[in-house]
Each structure stands twice: as structure tokens, then as C-alpha cells.
Amino acid sequence: MAKTTNSPMLTRREVAEIADVALSALDKAIEQGVVTVQRRLNASWLRSDDVGVVVLLQKAGLPLPLKVKRQVRRWVRD
């Protein structure tokens, strides 16, 4: 699969709803730098690619080191 360079952007709430995860879990992923956020027009926007990252990490049910979480992000995006 080719890298997505112009991935559609979604709000934090949209990502949390689509991924079926708590907003607090998404906020933690943002704080840890697992997913990146862009701030525009008083809102936080995430790449749509990051929905898969959030789902995988949340549903894994395992405490993973930050380094592994970032590797998962790279794997999903690539």
C-alpha cells in the first residue's frame, strides 16, 4: 500500500467515535506522541490514518512501551 500524503483530517471527537475509544485514551496517545495533531481554527485535527493506529493500540489490551506504539504507527501509515 502506498503512503498517504494527503490523508483527510478528522477532529479528535470524530476519531474517538470512529475508533470506538474513549476521548481520554485518544488524548493520551496524543500526549505520548503516538499520533500527531494539528491545531487549526480552535480545533485539534488528526490524520485519518491514525484511526487505525488508535484502534490497534486500544484493542490490543496490552501495555506496550512507547517505542512499540510508535513502531505500530509507522507500520500502519506505511
C-alpha atoms as a PDB file:
ATOM      1  CA  MET A   1       0.000   0.000   0.000  1.00  0.00           C
ATOM      2  CA  ALA A   2       1.365   3.407  -0.911  1.00  0.00           C
ATOM      3  CA  LYS A   3       1.971   6.064   1.683  1.00  0.00           C
ATOM      4  CA  THR A   4      -0.884   8.505   2.101  1.00  0.00           C
ATOM      5  CA  THR A   5       0.488  12.004   1.884  1.00  0.00           C
ATOM      6  CA  ASN A   6      -2.776  13.923   1.758  1.00  0.00           C
ATOM      7  CA  SER A   7      -4.773  11.980   4.273  1.00  0.00           C
ATOM      8  CA  PRO A   8      -8.150  13.526   5.196  1.00  0.00           C
ATOM      9  CA  MET A   9      -8.225  15.208   8.572  1.00  0.00           C
ATOM     10  CA  LEU A  10     -10.650  14.398  11.382  1.00  0.00           C
ATOM     11  CA  THR A  11     -11.371  16.054  14.729  1.00  0.00           C
ATOM     12  CA  ARG A  12     -10.429  14.351  17.989  1.00  0.00           C
ATOM     13  CA  ARG A  13     -14.066  13.567  18.683  1.00  0.00           C
ATOM     14  CA  GLU A  14     -14.568  12.056  15.224  1.00  0.00           C
ATOM     15  CA  VAL A  15     -11.518   9.816  15.634  1.00  0.00           C
ATOM     16  CA  ALA A  16     -12.666   8.714  19.094  1.00  0.00           C
ATOM     17  CA  GLU A  17     -16.148   7.925  17.761  1.00  0.00           C
ATOM     18  CA  ILE A  18     -14.945   6.045  14.669  1.00  0.00           C
ATOM     19  CA  ALA A  19     -12.325   4.101  16.627  1.00  0.00           C
ATOM     20  CA  ASP A  20     -14.794   3.419  19.449  1.00  0.00           C
ATOM     21  CA  VAL A  21     -12.325   4.543  22.109  1.00  0.00           C
ATOM     22  CA  ALA A  22     -12.638   6.970  24.973  1.00  0.00           C
ATOM     23  CA  LEU A  23     -11.566  10.526  24.261  1.00  0.00           C
ATOM     24  CA  SER A  24      -9.190  10.258  27.220  1.00  0.00           C
ATOM     25  CA  ALA A  25      -7.414   7.299  25.561  1.00  0.00           C
ATOM     26  CA  LEU A  26      -7.020   9.330  22.388  1.00  0.00           C
ATOM     27  CA  ASP A  27      -5.719  12.293  24.381  1.00  0.00           C
ATOM     28  CA  LYS A  28      -3.122  10.024  25.991  1.00  0.00           C
ATOM     29  CA  ALA A  29      -1.963   8.849  22.560  1.00  0.00           C
ATOM     30  CA  ILE A  30      -1.630  12.492  21.512  1.00  0.00           C
ATOM     31  CA  GLU A  31       0.323  13.388  24.675  1.00  0.00           C
ATOM     32  CA  GLN A  32       2.692  10.454  24.125  1.00  0.00           C
ATOM     33  CA  GLY A  33       3.295  11.474  20.524  1.00  0.00           C
ATOM     34  CA  VAL A  34       1.875   8.219  19.199  1.00  0.00           C
ATOM     35  CA  VAL A  35      -0.494  10.158  16.941  1.00  0.00           C
ATOM     36  CA  THR A  36       0.117  13.685  15.774  1.00  0.00           C
ATOM     37  CA  VAL A  37      -2.325  16.534  15.980  1.00  0.00           C
ATOM     38  CA  GLN A  38      -2.603  19.759  14.048  1.00  0.00           C
ATOM     39  CA  ARG A  39      -4.369  22.710  15.601  1.00  0.00           C
ATOM     40  CA  ARG A  40      -6.489  24.791  13.230  1.00  0.00           C
ATOM     41  CA  LEU A  41      -9.474  27.059  13.777  1.00  0.00           C
ATOM     42  CA  ASN A  42      -9.678  26.329  17.524  1.00  0.00           C
ATOM     43  CA  ALA A  43      -9.860  22.578  16.901  1.00  0.00           C
ATOM     44  CA  SER A  44      -7.453  19.655  17.009  1.00  0.00           C
ATOM     45  CA  TRP A  45      -7.233  17.663  13.788  1.00  0.00           C
ATOM     46  CA  LEU A  46      -5.717  14.218  13.248  1.00  0.00           C
ATOM     47  CA  ARG A  47      -4.866  12.304  10.098  1.00  0.00           C
ATOM     48  CA  SER A  48      -7.484   9.732   9.184  1.00  0.00           C
ATOM     49  CA  ASP A  49      -4.627   7.179   9.032  1.00  0.00           C
ATOM     50  CA  ASP A  50      -4.348   7.491  12.794  1.00  0.00           C
ATOM     51  CA  VAL A  51      -7.786   5.916  13.344  1.00  0.00           C
ATOM     52  CA  GLY A  52      -6.264   2.514  12.604  1.00  0.00           C
ATOM     53  CA  VAL A  53      -3.356   3.207  14.922  1.00  0.00           C
ATOM     54  CA  VAL A  54      -5.681   4.126  17.787  1.00  0.00           C
ATOM     55  CA  VAL A  55      -7.881   1.074  17.217  1.00  0.00           C
ATOM     56  CA  LEU A  56      -4.942  -1.352  17.131  1.00  0.00           C
ATOM     57  CA  LEU A  57      -3.346   0.042  20.260  1.00  0.00           C
ATOM     58  CA  GLN A  58      -6.570   0.311  22.244  1.00  0.00           C
ATOM     59  CA  LYS A  59      -7.960  -3.087  21.296  1.00  0.00           C
ATOM     60  CA  ALA A  60      -4.639  -4.894  21.822  1.00  0.00           C
ATOM     61  CA  GLY A  61      -5.332  -4.827  25.546  1.00  0.00           C
ATOM     62  CA  LEU A  62      -1.625  -4.973  26.344  1.00  0.00           C
ATOM     63  CA  PRO A  63       0.551  -2.349  27.976  1.00  0.00           C
ATOM     64  CA  LEU A  64       3.070  -1.563  25.244  1.00  0.00           C
ATOM     65  CA  PRO A  65       6.213   0.528  25.523  1.00  0.00           C
ATOM     66  CA  LEU A  66       6.086   3.900  23.806  1.00  0.00           C
ATOM     67  CA  LYS A  67       8.700   2.804  21.282  1.00  0.00           C
ATOM     68  CA  VAL A  68       6.494  -0.107  20.192  1.00  0.00           C
ATOM     69  CA  LYS A  69       3.448   2.166  19.924  1.00  0.00           C
ATOM     70  CA  ARG A  70       5.362   4.440  17.580  1.00  0.00           C
ATOM     71  CA  GLN A  71       6.506   1.435  15.535  1.00  0.00           C
ATOM     72  CA  VAL A  72       2.863   0.409  15.181  1.00  0.00           C
ATOM     73  CA  ARG A  73       2.082   3.918  13.920  1.00  0.00           C
ATOM     74  CA  ARG A  74       4.813   3.687  11.288  1.00  0.00           C
ATOM     75  CA  TRP A  75       3.631   0.228  10.246  1.00  0.00           C
ATOM     76  CA  VAL A  76       0.007   1.364   9.861  1.00  0.00           C
ATOM     77  CA  ARG A  77       0.936   4.509   7.938  1.00  0.00           C
ATOM     78  CA  ASP A  78       3.255   2.643   5.584  1.00  0.00           C
END
